[in-house]
Amino acid sequence: MGSRICATALQPEMVHAYWDAKKGGRDGATQFDLYHIFAILDHGSMNDHSRRRAKKLVYKIQWVGYDEKDHSWEPAAKIAGLVPKMKEEYDEMHGLLTLRDSTT
């Protein structure tokens, strides 16, 4: 089996310039409305307005084919549903495994 190399990882500026040059950007050119997570960059907490004074674990996400200005903060439950293995690896690396059960 050959190794799979992602152009976004090797040449992100080139990939973003390619999509920016297309009419309507990536979404307009592909007509896709699906987004794929490339990497979990960071984590933090935000107020959970559904519960008084509760904090909710969120992750800063890098999306495939999108540049830094499009990174977004997403709730832990959403990330667990989209990329459970990636989230688990990130949580383990950052000591978040004890928080996982109460935030997903």
Protein backbone atom coordinates (compact mmCIF):
# COMPACT_ATOMS: atom_id res chain seq x y z
CA MET A 1 0.00 0.00 0.00
CA GLY A 2 1.22 3.46 -0.83
CA SER A 3 1.09 6.32 1.62
CA ARG A 4 -1.69 8.85 1.23
CA ILE A 5 -0.53 12.46 1.25
CA CYS A 6 -2.93 15.35 1.67
CA ALA A 7 -2.16 18.44 -0.42
CA THR A 8 -3.77 20.64 2.23
CA ALA A 9 -1.15 19.49 4.73
CA LEU A 10 1.83 19.94 2.39
CA GLN A 11 0.86 23.09 0.49
CA PRO A 12 -2.09 24.76 2.24
CA GLU A 13 -1.53 28.15 0.58
CA MET A 14 -1.59 26.54 -2.87
CA VAL A 15 -4.81 24.66 -2.13
CA HIS A 16 -6.52 27.78 -0.75
CA ALA A 17 -5.38 29.88 -3.72
CA TYR A 18 -6.76 27.24 -6.10
CA TRP A 19 -10.21 27.28 -4.49
CA ASP A 20 -10.22 31.08 -4.10
CA ALA A 21 -9.65 31.40 -7.87
CA LYS A 22 -12.79 29.37 -8.65
CA LYS A 23 -16.08 31.17 -9.17
CA GLY A 24 -17.92 30.96 -5.86
CA GLY A 25 -14.88 29.45 -4.13
CA ARG A 26 -14.79 25.81 -3.08
CA ASP A 27 -18.53 25.61 -2.40
CA GLY A 28 -19.50 27.19 -5.71
CA ALA A 29 -17.13 25.04 -7.76
CA THR A 30 -17.99 21.71 -6.15
CA GLN A 31 -21.63 22.33 -5.21
CA PHE A 32 -20.81 20.41 -2.03
CA ASP A 33 -22.39 21.40 1.23
CA LEU A 34 -20.41 18.88 3.25
CA TYR A 35 -17.47 19.86 5.38
CA HIS A 36 -14.72 17.56 6.57
CA ILE A 37 -12.51 18.09 9.59
CA PHE A 38 -8.81 18.29 8.79
CA ALA A 39 -7.52 18.85 12.31
CA ILE A 40 -8.46 19.75 15.86
CA LEU A 41 -6.30 22.77 16.65
CA ASP A 42 -7.28 23.79 20.17
CA HIS A 43 -9.92 23.43 22.86
CA GLY A 44 -11.62 25.69 25.33
CA SER A 45 -14.89 26.27 27.10
CA MET A 46 -17.86 28.50 26.53
CA ASN A 47 -20.98 29.25 28.51
CA ASP A 48 -23.77 26.74 28.01
CA HIS A 49 -26.86 28.95 27.89
CA SER A 50 -29.15 25.97 28.36
CA ARG A 51 -27.72 25.39 31.85
CA ARG A 52 -27.09 28.08 34.39
CA ARG A 53 -23.36 28.74 34.93
CA ALA A 54 -22.34 25.55 33.12
CA LYS A 55 -19.32 25.48 30.84
CA LYS A 56 -19.29 23.52 27.62
CA LEU A 57 -16.15 22.00 26.04
CA VAL A 58 -15.52 23.24 22.49
CA TYR A 59 -12.83 22.51 19.91
CA LYS A 60 -11.20 24.81 17.36
CA ILE A 61 -11.51 23.05 13.99
CA GLN A 62 -9.56 23.33 10.75
CA TRP A 63 -11.73 22.30 7.80
CA VAL A 64 -10.42 20.52 4.68
CA GLY A 65 -9.97 23.01 1.84
CA TYR A 66 -10.47 26.11 3.99
CA ASP A 67 -7.90 28.51 5.37
CA GLU A 68 -7.33 29.98 8.81
CA LYS A 69 -10.08 32.58 8.61
CA ASP A 70 -12.61 29.74 8.33
CA HIS A 71 -11.52 27.86 11.47
CA SER A 72 -14.46 27.50 13.85
CA TRP A 73 -15.26 26.52 17.41
CA GLU A 74 -17.52 23.47 17.60
CA PRO A 75 -19.13 21.66 20.55
CA ALA A 76 -17.55 18.44 21.82
CA ALA A 77 -20.65 16.37 21.03
CA LYS A 78 -20.56 17.42 17.37
CA ILE A 79 -16.86 16.55 17.03
CA ALA A 80 -17.42 13.19 18.76
CA GLY A 81 -20.07 12.38 16.17
CA LEU A 82 -18.02 13.48 13.15
CA VAL A 83 -14.51 12.25 14.00
CA PRO A 84 -14.59 10.14 17.17
CA LYS A 85 -11.10 8.67 16.76
CA MET A 86 -9.49 12.05 16.05
CA LYS A 87 -11.26 13.56 19.08
CA GLU A 88 -10.21 10.68 21.32
CA GLU A 89 -6.56 11.02 20.21
CA TYR A 90 -6.66 14.79 20.77
CA ASP A 91 -8.30 14.35 24.19
CA GLU A 92 -5.70 11.80 25.21
CA MET A 93 -2.83 14.02 24.07
CA HIS A 94 -4.23 17.02 26.00
CA GLY A 95 -5.38 15.25 29.16
CA LEU A 96 -9.09 15.67 28.43
CA LEU A 97 -10.17 12.04 28.75
CA THR A 98 -11.60 12.61 32.23
CA LEU A 99 -13.77 15.43 30.85
CA ARG A 100 -15.00 13.45 27.86
CA ASP A 101 -17.88 11.60 29.52
CA SER A 102 -19.40 14.75 30.98
CA THR A 103 -19.11 16.86 27.81
CA THR A 104 -20.06 14.62 24.91
